[in-house]
Protein backbone atom coordinates (compact mmCIF):
# COMPACT_ATOMS: atom_id res chain seq x y z
CA MET A 1 -39.29 10.79 -79.98
CA PRO A 2 -35.92 10.42 -78.20
CA GLY A 3 -35.38 10.76 -74.49
CA GLU A 4 -33.71 13.83 -73.09
CA GLY A 5 -29.91 13.68 -73.15
CA GLU A 6 -29.71 11.13 -75.98
CA VAL A 7 -26.64 11.46 -78.19
CA VAL A 8 -27.18 12.46 -81.80
CA ARG A 9 -24.59 12.18 -84.56
CA TYR A 10 -24.89 13.58 -88.05
CA GLY A 11 -22.81 12.26 -90.90
CA GLN A 12 -22.53 9.07 -92.89
CA GLU A 13 -25.61 7.49 -91.34
CA GLY A 14 -27.72 10.60 -90.78
CA PRO A 15 -29.36 11.49 -87.45
CA ARG A 16 -29.83 8.67 -84.93
CA ALA A 17 -32.33 10.63 -82.89
CA GLY A 18 -34.57 13.66 -83.16
CA GLY A 19 -34.24 17.18 -81.81
CA PRO A 20 -35.50 18.73 -78.57
CA ARG A 21 -39.03 17.99 -77.46
CA VAL A 22 -41.76 20.47 -78.23
CA SER A 23 -45.24 19.89 -76.79
CA LEU A 24 -48.56 21.69 -76.43
CA SER A 25 -50.91 21.20 -73.50
CA GLY A 26 -54.44 21.74 -74.73
CA CYS A 27 -55.88 25.22 -74.97
CA ASN A 28 -53.87 26.71 -72.09
CA GLY A 29 -50.94 27.30 -74.40
CA ALA A 30 -48.33 25.54 -72.26
CA ILE A 31 -45.11 25.14 -74.24
CA HIS A 32 -42.11 22.94 -73.44
CA TRP A 33 -39.06 24.78 -74.72
CA GLY A 34 -36.82 21.69 -74.68
CA PRO A 35 -34.54 19.74 -72.33
CA GLY A 36 -33.71 21.53 -69.13
CA LEU A 37 -36.39 24.26 -69.37
CA ALA A 38 -39.70 24.11 -67.51
CA TYR A 39 -43.21 24.32 -68.92
CA ARG A 40 -44.60 27.85 -69.18
CA ARG A 41 -48.27 28.86 -69.20
CA TYR A 42 -49.66 31.77 -71.18
CA ARG A 43 -53.02 33.53 -71.16
CA SER A 44 -53.74 32.52 -74.75
CA VAL A 45 -52.59 30.02 -77.32
CA TRP A 46 -49.75 31.21 -79.53
CA PRO A 47 -50.55 31.71 -83.24
CA LEU A 48 -50.41 28.43 -85.12
CA THR A 49 -47.93 29.91 -87.60
CA LEU A 50 -45.51 30.75 -84.77
CA LEU A 51 -45.87 27.29 -83.24
CA ALA A 52 -45.27 25.72 -86.65
CA LEU A 53 -42.19 27.87 -87.20
CA LYS A 54 -40.82 26.91 -83.78
CA SER A 55 -41.42 23.19 -84.28
CA THR A 56 -39.96 23.28 -87.80
CA ALA A 57 -36.85 25.12 -86.64
CA TYR A 58 -36.25 22.57 -83.89
CA ALA A 59 -36.90 19.61 -86.19
CA LEU A 60 -34.51 20.75 -88.92
CA ALA A 61 -31.60 21.91 -86.74
CA PHE A 62 -28.79 19.68 -85.54
CA THR A 63 -29.16 18.90 -81.87
CA ARG A 64 -26.84 20.82 -79.57
CA THR A 65 -27.28 18.35 -76.71
CA PRO A 66 -24.13 16.32 -75.96
CA GLY A 67 -24.15 12.84 -74.44
CA PHE A 68 -23.81 14.12 -70.88
CA GLN A 69 -25.78 16.35 -68.55
CA THR A 70 -24.26 19.29 -66.63
CA PRO A 71 -20.50 18.67 -66.85
CA SER A 72 -19.55 16.63 -63.78
CA GLU A 73 -16.17 18.36 -63.77
CA PHE A 74 -17.73 21.52 -62.30
CA LEU A 75 -20.03 19.98 -59.68
CA GLU A 76 -17.55 20.53 -56.85
CA ASN A 77 -16.35 23.97 -57.96
CA PRO A 78 -17.96 25.92 -60.82
CA SER A 79 -14.66 27.72 -61.50
CA GLN A 80 -12.33 24.73 -61.60
CA SER A 81 -12.59 21.60 -63.71
CA SER A 82 -11.97 18.55 -61.57
CA ARG A 83 -10.76 16.76 -64.72
CA LEU A 84 -7.75 19.07 -65.09
CA THR A 85 -4.92 19.40 -62.61
CA ALA A 86 -4.16 22.82 -61.14
CA PRO A 87 -1.24 23.64 -63.53
CA PHE A 88 -3.50 23.18 -66.58
CA ARG A 89 -6.25 25.36 -65.06
CA LYS A 90 -4.00 28.36 -64.42
CA HIS A 91 -4.84 31.38 -66.64
CA VAL A 92 -7.77 29.40 -68.14
CA ARG A 93 -11.41 30.29 -67.54
CA PRO A 94 -13.96 27.52 -66.82
CA LYS A 95 -15.41 27.73 -70.35
CA LYS A 96 -11.97 27.21 -71.89
CA GLN A 97 -11.09 24.50 -69.37
CA HIS A 98 -14.12 22.54 -70.53
CA GLU A 99 -13.34 23.13 -74.20
CA ILE A 100 -9.65 22.21 -74.18
CA ARG A 101 -10.28 19.07 -72.17
CA ARG A 102 -13.15 17.81 -74.31
CA LEU A 103 -11.59 18.68 -77.68
CA GLY A 104 -8.10 17.59 -76.56
CA GLU A 105 -9.37 14.17 -75.50
CA LEU A 106 -11.29 13.79 -78.77
CA VAL A 107 -8.15 14.69 -80.74
CA LYS A 108 -6.13 12.16 -78.73
CA LYS A 109 -8.63 9.38 -79.54
CA LEU A 110 -8.77 10.41 -83.20
CA SER A 111 -4.97 10.52 -83.35
CA ASP A 112 -4.72 6.98 -81.99
CA LEU A 113 -7.38 5.69 -84.40
CA THR A 114 -5.72 7.21 -87.49
CA GLY A 115 -2.05 6.66 -86.62
CA CYS A 116 -1.38 10.41 -86.57
CA THR A 117 2.25 11.49 -86.09
CA GLN A 118 1.61 15.20 -85.46
CA VAL A 119 -1.27 17.48 -84.49
CA VAL A 120 -1.47 20.97 -86.04
CA ASP A 121 -3.50 23.50 -84.04
CA ILE A 122 -4.65 26.30 -86.38
CA GLY A 123 -5.37 29.71 -84.87
CA SER A 124 -3.94 28.55 -81.54
CA GLY A 125 -4.11 31.94 -79.80
CA GLN A 126 -2.51 31.75 -76.36
CA GLY A 127 -1.94 28.03 -76.84
CA HIS A 128 -4.20 26.62 -74.13
CA LEU A 129 -5.41 23.71 -76.30
CA SER A 130 -1.92 23.04 -77.67
CA ARG A 131 -0.42 22.95 -74.17
CA PHE A 132 -2.99 20.47 -72.93
CA MET A 133 -2.56 18.21 -75.96
CA SER A 134 1.25 18.24 -75.80
CA LEU A 135 2.10 18.47 -72.09
CA GLY A 136 -1.08 16.83 -70.82
CA LEU A 137 -1.82 14.14 -73.41
CA GLY A 138 1.66 13.54 -74.84
CA LEU A 139 0.89 14.48 -78.45
CA THR A 140 3.40 16.10 -80.82
CA VAL A 141 1.85 19.50 -81.52
CA LYS A 142 2.58 22.37 -83.86
CA SER A 143 0.71 25.61 -83.15
CA ILE A 144 0.01 28.08 -85.95
CA GLU A 145 -0.97 31.64 -84.96
CA GLY A 146 -0.75 34.87 -86.94
CA ASP A 147 -0.51 37.28 -83.98
CA ARG A 148 3.09 37.41 -82.72
CA ARG A 149 2.02 38.84 -79.37
CA LEU A 150 -0.24 35.86 -78.72
CA VAL A 151 2.56 33.47 -79.69
CA GLU A 152 5.00 35.15 -77.31
CA ARG A 153 2.47 34.90 -74.49
CA ALA A 154 1.84 31.24 -75.36
CA GLN A 155 5.53 30.51 -75.09
CA ARG A 156 5.70 32.21 -71.67
CA LEU A 157 2.75 30.14 -70.48
CA ASP A 158 4.48 27.00 -71.82
CA ARG A 159 7.50 27.72 -69.65
CA GLU A 160 5.31 28.45 -66.60
CA LEU A 161 3.44 25.18 -67.06
CA LEU A 162 6.63 23.15 -67.42
CA GLN A 163 7.98 24.66 -64.21
CA ALA A 164 4.71 23.93 -62.39
CA LEU A 165 4.71 20.32 -63.59
CA GLU A 166 8.31 19.85 -62.46
CA LYS A 167 7.47 21.21 -58.99
CA GLU A 168 4.48 18.91 -58.82
CA GLU A 169 6.68 15.93 -59.63
CA LYS A 170 9.13 16.85 -56.86
CA ARG A 171 6.28 17.05 -54.35
CA ASN A 172 4.89 13.70 -55.55
CA PRO A 173 7.86 11.55 -56.57
CA GLN A 174 5.67 8.46 -56.75
CA VAL A 175 3.96 9.92 -59.83
CA THR A 176 5.77 8.74 -62.96
CA ARG A 177 5.27 9.95 -66.49
CA ALA A 178 5.37 7.85 -69.62
CA GLY A 179 8.12 9.79 -71.38
CA PRO A 180 9.80 13.16 -71.87
CA ARG A 181 7.65 16.25 -72.09
CA HIS A 182 7.65 18.36 -75.24
CA SER A 183 6.12 21.83 -75.39
CA PRO A 184 4.17 22.80 -78.52
CA HIS A 185 6.22 24.08 -81.44
CA HIS A 186 4.91 27.59 -82.12
CA VAL A 187 4.89 29.18 -85.57
CA VAL A 188 3.93 32.78 -86.33
CA ARG A 189 2.06 32.54 -89.63
CA TRP A 190 -1.22 33.75 -91.10
CA VAL A 191 -3.12 30.93 -92.80
CA GLU A 192 -4.93 32.16 -95.90
CA PRO A 193 -8.27 30.49 -96.65
CA THR A 194 -7.61 30.27 -100.41
CA ALA A 195 -3.96 29.13 -100.45
CA LEU A 196 -2.11 26.19 -98.97
CA CYS A 197 0.32 26.94 -96.14
CA LYS A 198 3.47 24.84 -96.58
CA GLU A 199 4.60 25.60 -93.02
CA LEU A 200 1.48 23.89 -91.76
CA LEU A 201 2.39 20.64 -93.53
CA LEU A 202 6.05 20.39 -92.54
CA PRO A 203 6.83 17.63 -90.00
CA LEU A 204 8.53 18.44 -86.69
CA GLU A 205 10.33 15.14 -86.30
CA PRO A 206 12.15 12.72 -88.65
CA LEU A 207 9.59 11.02 -90.81
CA PRO A 208 8.53 7.47 -90.01
CA PRO A 209 8.71 4.92 -92.87
CA ARG A 210 5.18 5.68 -94.02
CA GLY A 211 5.70 9.47 -93.92
CA ALA A 212 3.97 12.29 -92.05
CA ARG A 213 0.39 11.74 -90.92
CA LEU A 214 -1.08 15.04 -89.74
CA LEU A 215 -4.24 15.79 -87.78
CA LEU A 216 -5.59 19.34 -88.18
CA THR A 217 -7.61 20.96 -85.43
CA GLY A 218 -8.95 24.39 -84.60
CA LEU A 219 -10.90 25.47 -81.52
CA HIS A 220 -13.34 28.18 -82.62
CA ALA A 221 -11.25 29.07 -85.64
CA CYS A 222 -12.72 32.39 -86.72
CA GLY A 223 -14.62 32.82 -90.01
CA ASP A 224 -12.66 31.71 -93.07
CA LEU A 225 -9.93 30.13 -90.90
CA SER A 226 -12.22 27.13 -90.39
CA VAL A 227 -12.62 26.98 -94.16
CA ALA A 228 -8.82 26.93 -94.52
CA LEU A 229 -8.71 23.76 -92.41
CA LEU A 230 -11.09 22.06 -94.82
CA ARG A 231 -9.01 23.10 -97.84
CA HIS A 232 -5.83 21.71 -96.28
CA PHE A 233 -7.58 18.42 -95.53
CA SER A 234 -7.20 17.44 -99.19
CA CYS A 235 -3.38 17.41 -98.81
CA PRO A 236 -1.95 13.86 -98.79
CA GLU A 237 -0.10 14.44 -95.49
CA VAL A 238 -3.36 15.11 -93.62
CA VAL A 239 -5.28 12.08 -92.36
CA ALA A 240 -7.79 13.56 -89.89
CA LEU A 241 -9.59 16.78 -88.96
CA ALA A 242 -11.37 18.06 -85.84
CA SER A 243 -12.71 21.57 -86.38
CA VAL A 244 -14.96 23.76 -84.23
CA GLY A 245 -16.01 26.86 -86.14
CA CYS A 246 -16.96 30.34 -84.96
CA CYS A 247 -17.74 33.89 -86.18
CA TYR A 248 -19.86 32.86 -89.16
CA MET A 249 -20.54 36.52 -89.98
CA LYS A 250 -16.89 36.81 -91.07
CA LEU A 251 -17.25 34.15 -93.77
CA SER A 252 -16.60 35.46 -97.26
CA GLU A 253 -19.24 34.93 -99.94
CA PRO A 254 -18.38 33.34 -102.24
CA GLY A 255 -15.35 31.45 -100.99
CA GLY A 256 -16.22 30.64 -97.40
CA TYR A 257 -19.85 29.72 -98.07
CA PRO A 258 -21.23 27.75 -99.78
CA LEU A 259 -18.53 25.08 -100.15
CA SER A 260 -20.54 22.06 -101.24
CA GLN A 261 -22.16 21.52 -104.61
CA TRP A 262 -25.37 20.42 -102.91
CA VAL A 263 -25.87 23.59 -100.87
CA ALA A 264 -24.71 25.78 -103.77
CA GLY A 265 -27.51 24.22 -105.83
CA LEU A 266 -30.22 25.02 -103.30
CA ARG A 267 -32.59 27.78 -104.29
CA GLY A 268 -32.41 30.60 -101.78
CA SER A 269 -29.39 29.23 -99.92
CA GLU A 270 -27.83 32.68 -99.56
CA LEU A 271 -27.08 33.74 -95.98
CA PRO A 272 -26.86 37.51 -95.52
CA TYR A 273 -24.74 38.99 -92.76
CA ARG A 274 -27.61 39.43 -90.29
CA LEU A 275 -28.43 35.71 -90.37
CA ARG A 276 -24.81 34.57 -90.05
CA GLU A 277 -24.23 37.03 -87.20
CA GLY A 278 -27.36 35.84 -85.40
CA ALA A 279 -26.15 32.23 -85.56
CA CYS A 280 -23.22 33.19 -83.32
CA HIS A 281 -25.32 34.23 -80.34
CA ALA A 282 -25.77 32.05 -77.25
CA LEU A 283 -29.26 30.57 -77.46
CA GLU A 284 -29.20 28.83 -74.07
CA ASP A 285 -27.83 31.89 -72.27
CA TYR A 286 -30.52 34.14 -73.74
CA ALA A 287 -33.24 31.67 -72.75
CA GLU A 288 -32.09 31.96 -69.14
CA ARG A 289 -32.06 35.75 -69.40
CA LEU A 290 -35.62 35.66 -70.69
CA GLN A 291 -36.70 33.54 -67.74
CA ARG A 292 -35.09 35.98 -65.30
CA ALA A 293 -36.64 38.94 -67.21
CA GLY A 294 -34.03 41.28 -65.76
CA PRO A 295 -32.86 44.69 -66.97
CA GLY A 296 -29.98 43.05 -68.86
CA LEU A 297 -32.42 42.34 -71.71
CA ARG A 298 -32.21 45.97 -72.82
CA THR A 299 -28.68 45.50 -74.21
CA HIS A 300 -29.86 44.79 -77.77
CA CYS A 301 -32.25 47.74 -77.72
CA TYR A 302 -29.39 50.03 -76.71
CA ARG A 303 -27.16 48.57 -79.42
CA ALA A 304 -29.87 49.11 -82.05
CA ALA A 305 -30.22 52.74 -80.95
CA LEU A 306 -26.46 53.18 -81.14
CA GLU A 307 -26.52 51.83 -84.71
CA THR A 308 -28.96 54.55 -85.78
CA VAL A 309 -26.61 57.20 -84.38
CA ILE A 310 -23.58 55.63 -86.08
CA ARG A 311 -25.29 55.50 -89.46
CA GLY A 312 -26.46 59.07 -89.07
CA ALA A 313 -22.88 60.22 -88.50
CA ARG A 314 -21.13 57.80 -90.89
CA PRO A 315 -23.58 56.11 -93.30
CA GLU A 316 -20.83 53.88 -94.72
CA LEU A 317 -19.96 52.51 -91.25
CA ARG A 318 -22.39 49.61 -90.81
CA ARG A 319 -22.46 47.15 -87.92
CA PRO A 320 -19.02 47.98 -86.50
CA GLY A 321 -17.84 45.76 -83.70
CA VAL A 322 -18.50 47.32 -80.30
CA GLN A 323 -16.49 45.73 -77.52
CA GLY A 324 -18.52 44.85 -74.46
CA ILE A 325 -19.59 47.83 -72.36
CA PRO A 326 -19.83 46.77 -68.71
CA ARG A 327 -23.08 47.03 -66.73
CA VAL A 328 -25.15 48.32 -69.65
CA HIS A 329 -28.39 48.02 -67.69
CA GLU A 330 -27.19 50.65 -65.20
CA LEU A 331 -26.51 53.27 -67.89
CA LYS A 332 -28.84 55.84 -69.34
CA ILE A 333 -29.27 55.29 -73.06
CA GLU A 334 -27.36 58.48 -73.94
CA GLU A 335 -24.43 57.35 -71.74
CA TYR A 336 -24.33 54.01 -73.52
CA VAL A 337 -24.39 55.71 -76.95
CA GLN A 338 -21.53 58.03 -75.99
CA ARG A 339 -19.39 55.11 -74.81
CA GLY A 340 -20.30 53.14 -77.92
CA LEU A 341 -19.30 56.01 -80.22
CA ARG A 342 -15.91 56.14 -78.54
CA ARG A 343 -15.49 52.36 -79.02
CA VAL A 344 -15.98 52.64 -82.79
CA GLY A 345 -13.71 55.68 -83.20
CA LEU A 346 -16.38 58.39 -83.46
CA ASP A 347 -16.68 61.59 -81.45
CA PRO A 348 -18.54 60.76 -78.21
CA GLN A 349 -19.64 64.39 -78.00
CA LEU A 350 -21.72 64.24 -81.16
CA PRO A 351 -25.03 66.09 -80.65
CA LEU A 352 -27.69 63.51 -79.76
CA ASN A 353 -31.42 63.65 -80.37
CA LEU A 354 -32.52 62.64 -76.86
CA ALA A 355 -36.20 62.50 -77.84
CA ALA A 356 -35.38 59.99 -80.61
CA LEU A 357 -33.25 57.94 -78.23
CA ARG A 358 -36.07 57.84 -75.67
CA ALA A 359 -38.47 56.72 -78.42
CA HIS A 360 -36.05 53.92 -79.36
CA GLN A 361 -35.79 52.89 -75.71
CA ALA A 362 -39.57 52.63 -75.54
CA GLN A 363 -39.36 49.83 -78.13
CA GLU A 364 -37.34 47.62 -75.76
CA ASN A 365 -39.96 44.86 -75.53
CA ARG A 366 -40.33 44.72 -79.29
CA VAL A 367 -36.57 44.40 -79.68
CA VAL A 368 -36.59 41.49 -77.21
CA ALA A 369 -39.38 39.79 -79.18
CA PHE A 370 -37.55 40.34 -82.48
CA PHE A 371 -34.26 39.06 -81.07
CA SER A 372 -36.02 35.99 -79.63
CA LEU A 373 -37.39 35.16 -83.07
CA ALA A 374 -33.93 35.63 -84.59
CA LEU A 375 -32.44 33.26 -82.02
CA LEU A 376 -35.17 30.73 -82.79
CA LEU A 377 -33.69 30.53 -86.30
CA ALA A 378 -30.03 30.74 -85.19
CA PRO A 379 -29.48 26.97 -84.75
CA LEU A 380 -31.05 26.41 -88.17
CA VAL A 381 -28.62 28.85 -89.82
CA GLU A 382 -25.68 27.23 -88.05
CA THR A 383 -26.94 23.83 -89.19
CA LEU A 384 -26.91 24.96 -92.83
CA ILE A 385 -23.35 26.32 -92.54
CA LEU A 386 -22.01 23.18 -90.86
CA LEU A 387 -23.99 20.85 -93.12
CA ASP A 388 -22.40 22.63 -96.08
CA ARG A 389 -18.93 21.88 -94.69
CA LEU A 390 -19.77 18.26 -93.94
CA LEU A 391 -21.20 17.71 -97.42
CA CYS A 392 -18.18 19.40 -99.01
CA LEU A 393 -15.94 16.76 -97.42
CA GLN A 394 -18.28 13.89 -98.26
CA GLU A 395 -18.54 15.00 -101.89
CA GLN A 396 -14.75 14.54 -102.10
CA GLY A 397 -15.04 10.96 -100.83
CA PHE A 398 -13.97 11.70 -97.24
CA HIS A 399 -15.69 10.42 -94.10
CA ALA A 400 -17.16 13.15 -91.89
CA GLU A 401 -19.56 13.62 -88.99
CA LEU A 402 -20.71 16.40 -86.69
CA LEU A 403 -20.63 15.71 -82.95
CA PRO A 404 -21.90 17.90 -80.06
CA ILE A 405 -19.02 17.67 -77.59
CA PHE A 406 -19.32 20.78 -75.39
CA SER A 407 -22.04 21.76 -72.97
CA PRO A 408 -23.98 24.44 -74.92
CA GLU A 409 -24.51 26.41 -71.70
CA LEU A 410 -20.73 26.77 -71.39
CA SER A 411 -19.77 26.85 -75.06
CA PRO A 412 -22.54 27.80 -77.53
CA ARG A 413 -20.50 26.79 -80.61
CA ASN A 414 -20.34 23.18 -79.48
CA LEU A 415 -20.43 21.09 -82.69
CA VAL A 416 -17.12 19.63 -83.87
CA LEU A 417 -16.67 18.57 -87.49
CA VAL A 418 -14.64 15.35 -87.50
CA ALA A 419 -13.27 13.95 -90.76
CA THR A 420 -10.99 11.10 -91.79
CA LYS A 421 -9.79 9.69 -95.09
CA SER A 422 -10.34 6.09 -94.00
CA PRO A 423 -13.66 4.87 -92.59
CA LEU A 424 -13.82 4.55 -88.80
CA GLY A 425 -17.26 2.94 -88.62
CA GLU A 426 -18.58 2.67 -85.09
CA ALA A 427 -15.30 4.04 -83.73
CA PHE A 428 -16.77 7.48 -84.38
CA SER A 429 -19.09 6.91 -81.40
CA LEU A 430 -16.07 6.61 -79.11
CA LEU A 431 -14.93 10.13 -79.88
CA GLU A 432 -17.80 11.93 -78.14
CA THR A 433 -17.99 9.86 -74.97
CA GLU A 434 -16.73 11.06 -71.60
CA ASP A 435 -13.68 9.23 -70.27
CA SER A 436 -14.18 7.77 -66.83
């Protein structure tokens, strides 16, 4: 059994270490939930079937534990990464600071190892990752984003950052930079998962003698957009890939899952919406909420009650996205339902059956238990989705591995799929390490 905090890689050589520890302590039912969580005692032993399910789920899922403990970058200030200078932290939340630094540094290492001439950031949003890679790490970066408003904001933030860096240089003239700074090149373009995007493959600079060598990356590329990265990896111009997926419930079936022949041949490999949606929830965050046992746990019960009202009014409207409603635990259930109806475009004054809503609210503890069981399986579902992508690349003769590079407490979707067309051998292990 591995020690806590050991690094695990999945890919060409399979797992180097096991998953989180799970232990029983005699008949008192004490359970160790894994690294970082304390032992808990219960009045009776859990059913053997539940313990077996829990142990099996842990054993079969990819580990989410990276090769570092609580990120040292936030020890001094939980809101500011000490590994990023002030200009790169502006407009960026701590979670994103951690993500752009870790993925950006991995991309830089991968770029150096593969002789990449240009990085292409797919689904770049406001361009935080692209800015750090280009203006912070000196990479040539093209950013592809379908939303023009996000691109325009990214360009404004580029200009702000350049001005801030120039001011910083004037204040500290002894600091020298290696060469001229180049902002990311932004392109407004939707990338379709089933068709190649020529704009993505065009070089920004005159080609070197051996031609363009592109590295594709995407930080939490939503749904089928992550699949599009994999399809473009087969293009001769692309030499490397670093993809962090997200929003598995938006994957199309077939098309976005399964991708590999191996998973497609598995009996019962189908993943309905409810399983893919569950795999996107934050396991570590919910475990902390369970330990606190606060009123915030009623959120899912309220959402389930809202769903019954929605389906009663519009049976064809199933599981619509409801943007976060602040301070849910302070609302009466009918107030939450009215706000939720407004969020999904329905009349908030619809007549409500208050007795039925109160009966739903009385099931709060059962909803918590059900959701806890669903989250127990969430890492296993994510493992199947990511394993399918890894195997799809390996079946084509490419070299691919999955590495946990983010702290799961900060960034629940923390596994990056790294692929190259030439073997890197042990150099893969360098990608996930923290720079000193």
